[in-house]
Amino acid sequence: MAKIILIQALPAARLDSRENLARALKLLEACQGLQADLICFPEYFPFRGDTELAAAAARLEVYLVAGLLEEVAGKRYNTATLFDRRGRLQGRQRKHNLGNLERRGFAVTPGDQWQVWDTDFGRLGVPVCIDFWGQPEAARQLAAQGADLIVNPTIFPILRGHWQTGALTRAFDYYLPVVGVNTAALVAEIGGRRYPLQGGHSFAIQPPAPGTDAELAHQVREWDSLRDWLVLEAEETEGILTMDLDLAGPRRWRSAIRQRFGFERP
């Protein structure tokens, strides 16, 4: 089992405000003693703070995913940034599919590859927002690289209602646990204009792990809907959500599931 914490944070109206780093560190303090394996913040939260977040990850001895703006060689990227338990930068997943709002508001550039990282609880992929639930390519590539868990940090000016549906589809396609973390609901100021963000409803998806082939055959016949795979769903306010997810069980049955449905290997 992997113990995962989703922090559905309430940012300041300006997503690039330094207030958001202070808020993030305060929320991380509330996780002290919970002995999590992984803590996840939403997309663009806290926007900046590599040094401070690295120190917090080391203090909590936890892997930490944060939504940060990366600046390299005059270019800016919307990244899901991963720190390890010792506070070392393990990697940055740059967002590929950028909306007009973030292009105009933050002048970001698209990323060019998807990647997984090894952790001590499994292989982790962290596609940002619509990269995961909106189109199939990120999930396909991450599954091909052996991902055991997908973390999907996001914010929603529109289309939040499609999020869980798309995530459940990807979870079924590749028989992968998925967690999605959004901000709380707020009115954000981006590029000098105000936009209501569709906050909340962060979630966790757990594909079942049957004990035997016979149990698998019985379960499959009941998969008319995958709603039972949704084991956690938040409301719209700020909150700290804790869950234990089984990564080994789906990994053990992934090949059998794909063979049963005639899926090609990713």
Protein backbone atom coordinates (compact mmCIF):
# COMPACT_ATOMS: atom_id res chain seq x y z
CA MET A 1 0.00 0.00 0.00
CA ALA A 2 1.05 3.58 -0.66
CA LYS A 3 -0.21 6.30 1.67
CA ILE A 4 -1.09 9.35 -0.40
CA ILE A 5 -2.22 12.82 0.63
CA LEU A 6 -3.98 15.17 -1.77
CA ILE A 7 -3.96 18.82 -0.71
CA GLN A 8 -6.93 20.56 -2.32
CA ALA A 9 -5.55 24.02 -1.59
CA LEU A 10 -7.31 27.39 -1.78
CA PRO A 11 -4.87 29.70 -3.59
CA ALA A 12 -4.80 33.47 -3.45
CA ALA A 13 -6.66 35.10 -6.34
CA ARG A 14 -3.37 35.66 -8.19
CA LEU A 15 -1.93 32.20 -8.78
CA ASP A 16 1.56 33.74 -9.00
CA SER A 17 1.22 35.45 -5.59
CA ARG A 18 3.94 34.71 -3.04
CA GLU A 19 1.12 34.18 -0.54
CA ASN A 20 0.58 30.77 -2.12
CA LEU A 21 3.99 29.47 -1.08
CA ALA A 22 3.32 30.47 2.53
CA ARG A 23 -0.07 28.75 2.28
CA ALA A 24 1.50 25.60 0.86
CA LEU A 25 4.08 25.40 3.65
CA LYS A 26 1.36 25.84 6.27
CA LEU A 27 -0.68 23.03 4.71
CA LEU A 28 2.40 20.81 4.68
CA GLU A 29 2.91 21.49 8.39
CA ALA A 30 -0.56 20.00 8.95
CA CYS A 31 0.71 16.76 7.37
CA GLN A 32 3.43 16.33 10.00
CA GLY A 33 3.17 12.92 11.64
CA LEU A 34 0.85 11.41 9.01
CA GLN A 35 3.72 9.31 7.61
CA ALA A 36 2.66 9.67 4.00
CA ASP A 37 4.57 8.26 1.05
CA LEU A 38 3.42 11.00 -1.35
CA ILE A 39 1.84 14.45 -0.99
CA CYS A 40 0.34 16.16 -4.04
CA PHE A 41 -0.56 19.80 -4.70
CA PRO A 42 -2.68 21.02 -7.67
CA GLU A 43 -1.54 22.54 -10.94
CA TYR A 44 0.07 26.00 -10.59
CA PHE A 45 0.18 25.67 -6.79
CA PRO A 46 2.14 27.08 -5.12
CA PHE A 47 3.60 28.36 -8.44
CA ARG A 48 7.11 28.94 -7.01
CA GLY A 49 9.28 27.83 -4.08
CA ASP A 50 11.67 25.03 -5.09
CA THR A 51 14.02 25.56 -2.16
CA GLU A 52 11.33 25.82 0.50
CA LEU A 53 9.34 22.85 -0.83
CA ALA A 54 12.46 20.70 -1.07
CA ALA A 55 13.20 21.42 2.59
CA ALA A 56 9.61 20.55 3.53
CA ALA A 57 9.80 17.23 1.65
CA ALA A 58 13.01 16.35 3.50
CA ARG A 59 11.52 17.37 6.85
CA LEU A 60 8.42 15.21 6.28
CA GLU A 61 10.46 12.43 4.62
CA VAL A 62 7.92 12.29 1.81
CA TYR A 63 7.77 12.46 -1.96
CA LEU A 64 6.15 15.76 -2.91
CA VAL A 65 4.46 16.87 -6.15
CA ALA A 66 4.01 20.64 -6.56
CA GLY A 67 2.64 22.79 -9.39
CA LEU A 68 5.51 25.14 -10.22
CA LEU A 69 6.50 27.49 -13.01
CA GLU A 70 9.88 26.48 -14.41
CA GLU A 71 12.03 29.08 -16.18
CA VAL A 72 14.86 27.82 -18.40
CA ALA A 73 16.80 29.68 -21.13
CA GLY A 74 14.16 32.39 -21.43
CA LYS A 75 11.25 29.93 -21.62
CA ARG A 76 8.57 29.21 -19.01
CA TYR A 77 6.92 25.83 -18.42
CA ASN A 78 3.93 24.71 -16.39
CA THR A 79 5.37 21.77 -14.47
CA ALA A 80 4.44 19.11 -11.98
CA THR A 81 7.68 19.06 -9.96
CA LEU A 82 8.68 16.00 -7.91
CA PHE A 83 10.92 16.11 -4.82
CA ASP A 84 12.06 12.90 -3.13
CA ARG A 85 12.12 12.04 0.58
CA ARG A 86 15.50 13.71 1.01
CA GLY A 87 14.33 16.91 -0.63
CA ARG A 88 16.18 16.34 -3.87
CA LEU A 89 14.62 17.44 -7.15
CA GLN A 90 13.71 14.18 -8.88
CA GLY A 91 12.19 15.68 -12.00
CA ARG A 92 9.73 18.01 -13.69
CA GLN A 93 6.87 16.99 -15.92
CA ARG A 94 6.12 19.83 -18.32
CA LYS A 95 2.55 20.27 -19.53
CA HIS A 96 2.08 19.66 -23.26
CA ASN A 97 -1.44 20.82 -24.12
CA LEU A 98 -1.71 24.46 -23.11
CA GLY A 99 -4.93 26.46 -23.05
CA ASN A 100 -5.14 29.99 -24.38
CA LEU A 101 -5.69 31.33 -20.87
CA GLU A 102 -2.37 30.09 -19.52
CA ARG A 103 -0.50 30.97 -22.69
CA ARG A 104 -1.71 34.57 -22.39
CA GLY A 105 -1.60 34.82 -18.61
CA PHE A 106 1.72 33.09 -17.87
CA ALA A 107 3.50 32.99 -21.27
CA VAL A 108 4.24 29.28 -20.92
CA THR A 109 5.74 26.97 -23.56
CA PRO A 110 4.58 23.36 -24.25
CA GLY A 111 6.63 20.42 -22.97
CA ASP A 112 8.01 17.74 -25.27
CA GLN A 113 8.03 14.37 -23.46
CA TRP A 114 6.33 12.32 -20.76
CA GLN A 115 8.32 10.42 -18.19
CA VAL A 116 8.01 8.16 -15.16
CA TRP A 117 10.09 8.25 -11.99
CA ASP A 118 11.08 5.44 -9.68
CA THR A 119 10.08 5.84 -6.05
CA ASP A 120 10.36 3.43 -3.15
CA PHE A 121 6.64 2.59 -3.47
CA GLY A 122 6.35 2.27 -7.27
CA ARG A 123 6.83 4.01 -10.62
CA LEU A 124 5.12 7.38 -10.81
CA GLY A 125 3.77 9.39 -13.75
CA VAL A 126 2.53 12.97 -13.25
CA PRO A 127 0.83 14.29 -16.41
CA VAL A 128 -0.61 17.77 -15.91
CA CYS A 129 -4.34 18.45 -16.27
CA ILE A 130 -5.80 17.82 -19.75
CA ASP A 131 -2.63 16.04 -20.89
CA PHE A 132 -3.96 12.98 -19.03
CA TRP A 133 -7.74 12.98 -19.17
CA GLY A 134 -8.27 14.91 -22.40
CA GLN A 135 -6.22 12.83 -24.85
CA PRO A 136 -4.81 9.28 -24.73
CA GLU A 137 -1.13 9.80 -25.62
CA ALA A 138 0.26 10.66 -22.18
CA ALA A 139 -1.34 7.62 -20.55
CA ARG A 140 -0.15 5.38 -23.37
CA GLN A 141 3.45 6.51 -23.05
CA LEU A 142 3.49 6.44 -19.25
CA ALA A 143 1.99 2.94 -19.17
CA ALA A 144 4.59 1.79 -21.71
CA GLN A 145 7.27 3.09 -19.34
CA GLY A 146 5.86 0.96 -16.51
CA ALA A 147 3.93 3.50 -14.43
CA ASP A 148 2.27 2.02 -11.31
CA LEU A 149 0.43 5.21 -10.31
CA ILE A 150 -0.75 8.32 -12.13
CA VAL A 151 -0.99 11.65 -10.31
CA ASN A 152 -2.98 14.26 -12.25
CA PRO A 153 -2.65 17.81 -10.83
CA THR A 154 -5.05 20.27 -12.39
CA ILE A 155 -7.09 23.48 -12.35
CA PHE A 156 -10.37 24.05 -14.19
CA PRO A 157 -11.74 27.25 -15.70
CA ILE A 158 -13.95 24.88 -17.78
CA LEU A 159 -14.58 21.15 -18.35
CA ARG A 160 -14.18 19.86 -14.78
CA GLY A 161 -17.16 17.56 -15.33
CA HIS A 162 -15.19 15.59 -17.93
CA TRP A 163 -12.26 15.03 -15.59
CA GLN A 164 -13.38 11.91 -13.71
CA THR A 165 -14.84 10.32 -16.83
CA GLY A 166 -11.58 10.74 -18.70
CA ALA A 167 -9.53 9.56 -15.73
CA LEU A 168 -11.69 6.45 -15.25
CA THR A 169 -11.27 5.68 -18.94
CA ARG A 170 -7.48 5.89 -18.69
CA ALA A 171 -7.49 3.84 -15.46
CA PHE A 172 -9.42 1.11 -17.27
CA ASP A 173 -7.33 1.31 -20.44
CA TYR A 174 -4.11 0.60 -18.55
CA TYR A 175 -5.42 -0.81 -15.25
CA LEU A 176 -3.69 1.89 -13.23
CA PRO A 177 -4.57 3.62 -9.95
CA VAL A 178 -5.09 7.34 -10.55
CA VAL A 179 -5.33 10.32 -8.20
CA GLY A 180 -6.48 13.75 -9.35
CA VAL A 181 -5.90 16.90 -7.29
CA ASN A 182 -7.62 20.22 -8.00
CA THR A 183 -7.67 23.55 -6.19
CA ALA A 184 -10.61 24.55 -4.07
CA ALA A 185 -13.17 26.75 -5.82
CA LEU A 186 -12.04 30.37 -6.27
CA VAL A 187 -12.17 33.38 -8.55
CA ALA A 188 -8.66 33.72 -9.98
CA GLU A 189 -7.03 36.80 -11.48
CA ILE A 190 -5.04 35.86 -14.59
CA GLY A 191 -3.61 38.40 -17.00
CA GLY A 192 -5.53 41.19 -15.29
CA ARG A 193 -8.93 39.53 -15.68
CA ARG A 194 -11.01 37.50 -13.21
CA TYR A 195 -12.05 33.92 -13.93
CA PRO A 196 -14.20 31.63 -11.76
CA LEU A 197 -12.32 28.34 -11.37
CA GLN A 198 -14.31 25.14 -11.02
CA GLY A 199 -12.67 23.90 -7.86
CA GLY A 200 -12.87 20.73 -5.84
CA HIS A 201 -13.80 17.11 -6.50
CA SER A 202 -10.24 15.81 -6.17
CA PHE A 203 -10.41 12.02 -6.30
CA ALA A 204 -8.72 8.65 -6.11
CA ILE A 205 -9.38 5.72 -8.47
CA GLN A 206 -8.48 2.20 -7.33
CA PRO A 207 -8.78 -0.66 -9.85
CA PRO A 208 -9.67 -3.83 -7.91
CA ALA A 209 -7.19 -6.61 -7.29
CA PRO A 210 -9.00 -9.99 -7.30
CA GLY A 211 -7.62 -12.90 -5.34
CA THR A 212 -8.07 -15.58 -8.02
CA ASP A 213 -8.86 -16.04 -11.69
CA ALA A 214 -12.40 -17.07 -10.75
CA GLU A 215 -12.84 -13.89 -8.70
CA LEU A 216 -11.53 -11.86 -11.63
CA ALA A 217 -14.08 -13.44 -13.98
CA HIS A 218 -16.86 -12.60 -11.53
CA GLN A 219 -15.71 -9.00 -11.07
CA VAL A 220 -15.37 -8.34 -14.79
CA ARG A 221 -19.02 -9.25 -15.35
CA GLU A 222 -19.97 -6.50 -12.88
CA TRP A 223 -18.03 -3.74 -14.66
CA ASP A 224 -21.03 -2.21 -16.36
CA SER A 225 -19.95 0.95 -14.52
CA LEU A 226 -16.57 1.82 -13.03
CA ARG A 227 -17.96 4.19 -10.39
CA ASP A 228 -17.01 1.71 -7.66
CA TRP A 229 -13.38 2.29 -8.59
CA LEU A 230 -13.77 5.87 -7.34
CA VAL A 231 -12.77 5.38 -3.70
CA LEU A 232 -12.45 9.04 -2.70
CA GLU A 233 -14.02 12.30 -3.88
CA ALA A 234 -13.68 15.71 -2.23
CA GLU A 235 -16.15 18.57 -2.04
CA GLU A 236 -15.27 22.07 -3.30
CA THR A 237 -13.60 23.59 -0.24
CA GLU A 238 -9.98 23.42 0.86
CA GLY A 239 -9.01 20.13 2.44
CA ILE A 240 -6.33 17.54 3.13
CA LEU A 241 -7.38 14.13 1.81
CA THR A 242 -5.62 10.96 2.92
CA MET A 243 -5.91 7.48 1.41
CA ASP A 244 -4.10 4.17 1.06
CA LEU A 245 -3.89 2.82 -2.48
CA ASP A 246 -2.92 -0.68 -3.57
CA LEU A 247 -0.37 -0.42 -6.38
CA ALA A 248 0.87 -4.01 -6.29
CA GLY A 249 -2.54 -5.63 -6.87
CA PRO A 250 -3.31 -3.87 -10.18
CA ARG A 251 0.30 -4.41 -11.25
CA ARG A 252 -0.10 -8.15 -10.62
CA TRP A 253 -3.31 -8.41 -12.67
CA ARG A 254 -2.59 -5.84 -15.39
CA SER A 255 -1.44 -8.32 -18.00
CA ALA A 256 -4.36 -10.69 -17.38
CA ILE A 257 -6.89 -7.85 -17.62
CA ARG A 258 -5.45 -6.60 -20.90
CA GLN A 259 -5.36 -10.13 -22.33
CA ARG A 260 -8.97 -10.77 -21.29
CA PHE A 261 -10.18 -7.70 -23.18
CA GLY A 262 -7.89 -8.23 -26.15
CA PHE A 263 -5.92 -5.04 -25.59
CA GLU A 264 -2.56 -4.76 -27.26
CA ARG A 265 0.41 -4.03 -25.06
CA PRO A 266 0.90 -0.26 -24.49
